Structure formats: C-alpha cells, structure tokens
C-alpha cells in the first residue's frame, strides 16, 4: 500500500512541474537575416551560413545561390555533405575535373550526398539554383587543381 501514495505524490509533482514550465517557442532564422558572401573569382556563387560556421565543431547548414550558367569547379570537403536543392535544377558530377558527361540532374526537392574527400563539381545550367548543404564541422572547401 505504501507504493500507491508514493505514485500519487510523484504524479502530482510531475503535473505541477509541467504546468509551471515555460513553453518553448520556435526561433526561426529568416532569409533576410542571412549574411551572404562569395568568392571574388566566381561572381555567380553566393553562400550564407544558416547555422554553425566553417571552422566550428558541430552541425552546420550552408545556403548557396548559384546564378544561371554558374559553375563551381571541382573541389572536395573533409566531411560528408548532404545537399537539398531548394529551387531550380542543379547539375552535379563527381571527379577531379569538370566533365559534362558525368553530370547528374538534381531537381528542386532532390537530395544528393557528397562523401567526405570526394571531388565534385556543379553547374546551374538552366537557371538560378538555390540549395542547402548540411554536415558536421569543422569543414572547408579544397579546390582540385586540374
């Protein structure tokens, strides 16, 4: 019988703590708050860290805009990247040199994975493309010299 009063007391304590806890509200990160940057030698390419940063340990999200006909030459990253195409159609290929015959189409809503240290290249062949990459840092971009 001693267990029943103890269970009632525990249940009452849980109810009380639930009713006094402050609700957690979402903290959206809105597109207008992003700080865009881009390499001076590739004006078609812009990126913004949504969460995390290149040199930070832990998960990150990087938003990227690639203008129509913009290309990103072959490069690799030290971590695996998971990329979701948000708008447009992205052409992606794996290899140490840009090769149209290796391109695969990734439409809006599609996802592709670039494994760690695998060279890849990109092209916004048909129009502007926005995509989002995620992974676990620290990370970086290592150009592949042809």
C-alpha atoms as a PDB file:
ATOM      1  CA  UNK A   1       0.000   0.000   0.000  1.00  0.00           C
ATOM      2  CA  UNK A   2       2.923   2.373   0.529  1.00  0.00           C
ATOM      3  CA  UNK A   3       3.648   2.350  -3.211  1.00  0.00           C
ATOM      4  CA  UNK A   4       0.251   3.820  -4.123  1.00  0.00           C
ATOM      5  CA  UNK A   5       0.637   7.067  -2.104  1.00  0.00           C
ATOM      6  CA  UNK A   6       4.187   7.422  -3.460  1.00  0.00           C
ATOM      7  CA  UNK A   7       2.940   7.041  -7.060  1.00  0.00           C
ATOM      8  CA  UNK A   8       0.196   9.632  -6.467  1.00  0.00           C
ATOM      9  CA  UNK A   9       2.734  12.084  -4.995  1.00  0.00           C
ATOM     10  CA  UNK A  10       5.112  11.556  -7.944  1.00  0.00           C
ATOM     11  CA  UNK A  11       2.289  12.037 -10.466  1.00  0.00           C
ATOM     12  CA  UNK A  12       1.176  15.251  -8.714  1.00  0.00           C
ATOM     13  CA  UNK A  13       4.749  16.557  -8.736  1.00  0.00           C
ATOM     14  CA  UNK A  14       5.035  15.876 -12.467  1.00  0.00           C
ATOM     15  CA  UNK A  15       1.757  17.673 -13.186  1.00  0.00           C
ATOM     16  CA  UNK A  16       2.840  20.677 -11.136  1.00  0.00           C
ATOM     17  CA  UNK A  17       6.215  20.933 -12.861  1.00  0.00           C
ATOM     18  CA  UNK A  18       4.566  20.647 -16.288  1.00  0.00           C
ATOM     19  CA  UNK A  19       2.094  23.443 -15.571  1.00  0.00           C
ATOM     20  CA  UNK A  20       4.763  25.882 -14.326  1.00  0.00           C
ATOM     21  CA  UNK A  21       7.272  25.245 -17.122  1.00  0.00           C
ATOM     22  CA  UNK A  22       7.554  27.997 -19.712  1.00  0.00           C
ATOM     23  CA  UNK A  23       6.642  26.873 -23.216  1.00  0.00           C
ATOM     24  CA  UNK A  24       9.474  26.838 -25.714  1.00  0.00           C
ATOM     25  CA  UNK A  25       8.848  28.961 -28.811  1.00  0.00           C
ATOM     26  CA  UNK A  26      10.428  28.392 -32.234  1.00  0.00           C
ATOM     27  CA  UNK A  27      13.230  30.775 -33.171  1.00  0.00           C
ATOM     28  CA  UNK A  28      13.085  30.971 -36.984  1.00  0.00           C
ATOM     29  CA  UNK A  29      16.091  32.041 -38.992  1.00  0.00           C
ATOM     30  CA  UNK A  30      14.626  34.177 -41.743  1.00  0.00           C
ATOM     31  CA  UNK A  31      16.204  34.577 -45.194  1.00  0.00           C
ATOM     32  CA  UNK A  32      16.592  38.350 -44.773  1.00  0.00           C
ATOM     33  CA  UNK A  33      18.849  37.799 -41.747  1.00  0.00           C
ATOM     34  CA  UNK A  34      21.452  35.773 -43.680  1.00  0.00           C
ATOM     35  CA  UNK A  35      24.870  37.317 -44.318  1.00  0.00           C
ATOM     36  CA  UNK A  36      25.857  36.471 -47.907  1.00  0.00           C
ATOM     37  CA  UNK A  37      29.461  36.121 -49.106  1.00  0.00           C
ATOM     38  CA  UNK A  38      31.120  34.918 -52.286  1.00  0.00           C
ATOM     39  CA  UNK A  39      34.500  34.355 -53.852  1.00  0.00           C
ATOM     40  CA  UNK A  40      35.682  37.308 -55.943  1.00  0.00           C
ATOM     41  CA  UNK A  41      36.723  34.993 -58.784  1.00  0.00           C
ATOM     42  CA  UNK A  42      33.207  33.469 -59.112  1.00  0.00           C
ATOM     43  CA  UNK A  43      30.503  36.181 -59.081  1.00  0.00           C
ATOM     44  CA  UNK A  44      27.798  33.586 -59.875  1.00  0.00           C
ATOM     45  CA  UNK A  45      28.305  31.970 -56.435  1.00  0.00           C
ATOM     46  CA  UNK A  46      26.991  33.260 -53.084  1.00  0.00           C
ATOM     47  CA  UNK A  47      26.779  31.457 -49.752  1.00  0.00           C
ATOM     48  CA  UNK A  48      25.459  32.151 -46.257  1.00  0.00           C
ATOM     49  CA  UNK A  49      25.865  30.183 -43.024  1.00  0.00           C
ATOM     50  CA  UNK A  50      22.381  29.491 -41.678  1.00  0.00           C
ATOM     51  CA  UNK A  51      23.639  27.576 -38.633  1.00  0.00           C
ATOM     52  CA  UNK A  52      27.179  26.968 -37.475  1.00  0.00           C
ATOM     53  CA  UNK A  53      30.245  28.102 -39.413  1.00  0.00           C
ATOM     54  CA  UNK A  54      33.067  26.609 -41.425  1.00  0.00           C
ATOM     55  CA  UNK A  55      35.580  26.371 -38.569  1.00  0.00           C
ATOM     56  CA  UNK A  56      33.055  25.452 -35.829  1.00  0.00           C
ATOM     57  CA  UNK A  57      32.760  21.931 -34.468  1.00  0.00           C
ATOM     58  CA  UNK A  58      29.250  20.507 -34.747  1.00  0.00           C
ATOM     59  CA  UNK A  59      26.372  20.551 -37.220  1.00  0.00           C
ATOM     60  CA  UNK A  60      26.043  23.316 -39.788  1.00  0.00           C
ATOM     61  CA  UNK A  61      23.741  24.452 -42.580  1.00  0.00           C
ATOM     62  CA  UNK A  62      25.059  26.431 -45.543  1.00  0.00           C
ATOM     63  CA  UNK A  63      22.656  28.084 -48.027  1.00  0.00           C
ATOM     64  CA  UNK A  64      24.059  28.554 -51.542  1.00  0.00           C
ATOM     65  CA  UNK A  65      22.847  30.506 -54.564  1.00  0.00           C
ATOM     66  CA  UNK A  66      24.326  29.762 -57.967  1.00  0.00           C
ATOM     67  CA  UNK A  67      23.282  32.080 -60.808  1.00  0.00           C
ATOM     68  CA  UNK A  68      22.177  30.772 -64.205  1.00  0.00           C
ATOM     69  CA  UNK A  69      25.084  29.172 -66.081  1.00  0.00           C
ATOM     70  CA  UNK A  70      27.262  29.492 -62.961  1.00  0.00           C
ATOM     71  CA  UNK A  71      29.751  26.712 -62.394  1.00  0.00           C
ATOM     72  CA  UNK A  72      31.645  25.557 -59.334  1.00  0.00           C
ATOM     73  CA  UNK A  73      34.877  23.838 -60.360  1.00  0.00           C
ATOM     74  CA  UNK A  74      35.915  20.501 -58.910  1.00  0.00           C
ATOM     75  CA  UNK A  75      36.526  20.622 -55.170  1.00  0.00           C
ATOM     76  CA  UNK A  76      36.112  18.459 -52.073  1.00  0.00           C
ATOM     77  CA  UNK A  77      35.253  18.809 -48.385  1.00  0.00           C
ATOM     78  CA  UNK A  78      36.727  16.982 -45.365  1.00  0.00           C
ATOM     79  CA  UNK A  79      33.236  15.965 -44.204  1.00  0.00           C
ATOM     80  CA  UNK A  80      30.241  14.348 -45.891  1.00  0.00           C
ATOM     81  CA  UNK A  81      27.751  16.948 -47.160  1.00  0.00           C
ATOM     82  CA  UNK A  82      24.031  16.419 -47.605  1.00  0.00           C
ATOM     83  CA  UNK A  83      22.600  18.794 -50.205  1.00  0.00           C
ATOM     84  CA  UNK A  84      18.939  19.622 -50.829  1.00  0.00           C
ATOM     85  CA  UNK A  85      18.021  21.626 -53.929  1.00  0.00           C
ATOM     86  CA  UNK A  86      15.511  24.265 -52.826  1.00  0.00           C
ATOM     87  CA  UNK A  87      14.816  25.834 -56.228  1.00  0.00           C
ATOM     88  CA  UNK A  88      15.985  25.337 -59.788  1.00  0.00           C
ATOM     89  CA  UNK A  89      17.797  22.347 -61.244  1.00  0.00           C
ATOM     90  CA  UNK A  90      21.352  21.578 -60.179  1.00  0.00           C
ATOM     91  CA  UNK A  91      23.766  19.523 -62.276  1.00  0.00           C
ATOM     92  CA  UNK A  92      26.314  17.604 -60.162  1.00  0.00           C
ATOM     93  CA  UNK A  93      29.247  15.426 -61.147  1.00  0.00           C
ATOM     94  CA  UNK A  94      31.947  13.555 -59.254  1.00  0.00           C
ATOM     95  CA  UNK A  95      35.555  13.690 -60.413  1.00  0.00           C
ATOM     96  CA  UNK A  96      38.718  15.775 -60.363  1.00  0.00           C
ATOM     97  CA  UNK A  97      37.824  17.796 -63.475  1.00  0.00           C
ATOM     98  CA  UNK A  98      34.604  19.339 -64.777  1.00  0.00           C
ATOM     99  CA  UNK A  99      33.166  16.770 -67.203  1.00  0.00           C
ATOM    100  CA  UNK A 100      29.685  17.286 -68.688  1.00  0.00           C
ATOM    101  CA  UNK A 101      29.342  13.562 -69.376  1.00  0.00           C
ATOM    102  CA  UNK A 102      29.426  12.858 -65.616  1.00  0.00           C
ATOM    103  CA  UNK A 103      26.692  15.350 -64.666  1.00  0.00           C
ATOM    104  CA  UNK A 104      23.562  14.117 -62.909  1.00  0.00           C
ATOM    105  CA  UNK A 105      20.399  16.232 -62.693  1.00  0.00           C
ATOM    106  CA  UNK A 106      19.124  17.055 -59.205  1.00  0.00           C
ATOM    107  CA  UNK A 107      15.757  18.868 -59.440  1.00  0.00           C
ATOM    108  CA  UNK A 108      14.138  21.075 -56.788  1.00  0.00           C
ATOM    109  CA  UNK A 109      13.294  18.903 -53.796  1.00  0.00           C
ATOM    110  CA  UNK A 110      16.033  16.407 -54.680  1.00  0.00           C
ATOM    111  CA  UNK A 111      18.901  15.498 -52.367  1.00  0.00           C
ATOM    112  CA  UNK A 112      22.399  14.248 -53.131  1.00  0.00           C
ATOM    113  CA  UNK A 113      25.284  13.226 -50.889  1.00  0.00           C
ATOM    114  CA  UNK A 114      28.893  14.277 -51.480  1.00  0.00           C
ATOM    115  CA  UNK A 115      31.000  11.855 -49.415  1.00  0.00           C
ATOM    116  CA  UNK A 116      33.961  13.208 -47.471  1.00  0.00           C
ATOM    117  CA  UNK A 117      37.020  13.884 -49.636  1.00  0.00           C
ATOM    118  CA  UNK A 118      35.235  13.037 -52.919  1.00  0.00           C
ATOM    119  CA  UNK A 119      35.845  15.639 -55.617  1.00  0.00           C
ATOM    120  CA  UNK A 120      32.719  17.081 -57.214  1.00  0.00           C
ATOM    121  CA  UNK A 121      31.613  19.972 -59.453  1.00  0.00           C
ATOM    122  CA  UNK A 122      28.338  21.836 -60.009  1.00  0.00           C
ATOM    123  CA  UNK A 123      26.503  23.744 -62.732  1.00  0.00           C
ATOM    124  CA  UNK A 124      23.345  25.855 -62.789  1.00  0.00           C
ATOM    125  CA  UNK A 125      22.913  25.050 -66.469  1.00  0.00           C
ATOM    126  CA  UNK A 126      19.257  26.045 -66.989  1.00  0.00           C
ATOM    127  CA  UNK A 127      18.664  28.846 -64.494  1.00  0.00           C
ATOM    128  CA  UNK A 128      19.318  30.157 -60.999  1.00  0.00           C
ATOM    129  CA  UNK A 129      19.645  27.467 -58.319  1.00  0.00           C
ATOM    130  CA  UNK A 130      19.365  27.690 -54.552  1.00  0.00           C
ATOM    131  CA  UNK A 131      20.455  24.742 -52.466  1.00  0.00           C
ATOM    132  CA  UNK A 132      21.286  23.983 -48.875  1.00  0.00           C
ATOM    133  CA  UNK A 133      24.156  21.867 -47.566  1.00  0.00           C
ATOM    134  CA  UNK A 134      24.460  20.330 -44.133  1.00  0.00           C
ATOM    135  CA  UNK A 135      27.154  18.371 -42.398  1.00  0.00           C
ATOM    136  CA  UNK A 136      29.279  18.284 -39.268  1.00  0.00           C
ATOM    137  CA  UNK A 137      32.226  20.638 -38.938  1.00  0.00           C
ATOM    138  CA  UNK A 138      34.764  21.825 -38.837  1.00  0.00           C
ATOM    139  CA  UNK A 139      34.633  21.798 -42.607  1.00  0.00           C
ATOM    140  CA  UNK A 140      36.236  23.521 -45.557  1.00  0.00           C
ATOM    141  CA  UNK A 141      36.426  23.644 -49.326  1.00  0.00           C
ATOM    142  CA  UNK A 142      39.537  22.303 -51.016  1.00  0.00           C
ATOM    143  CA  UNK A 143      39.879  23.192 -54.723  1.00  0.00           C
ATOM    144  CA  UNK A 144      41.087  20.431 -57.035  1.00  0.00           C
ATOM    145  CA  UNK A 145      43.813  21.624 -59.379  1.00  0.00           C
ATOM    146  CA  UNK A 146      43.325  20.157 -62.867  1.00  0.00           C
END
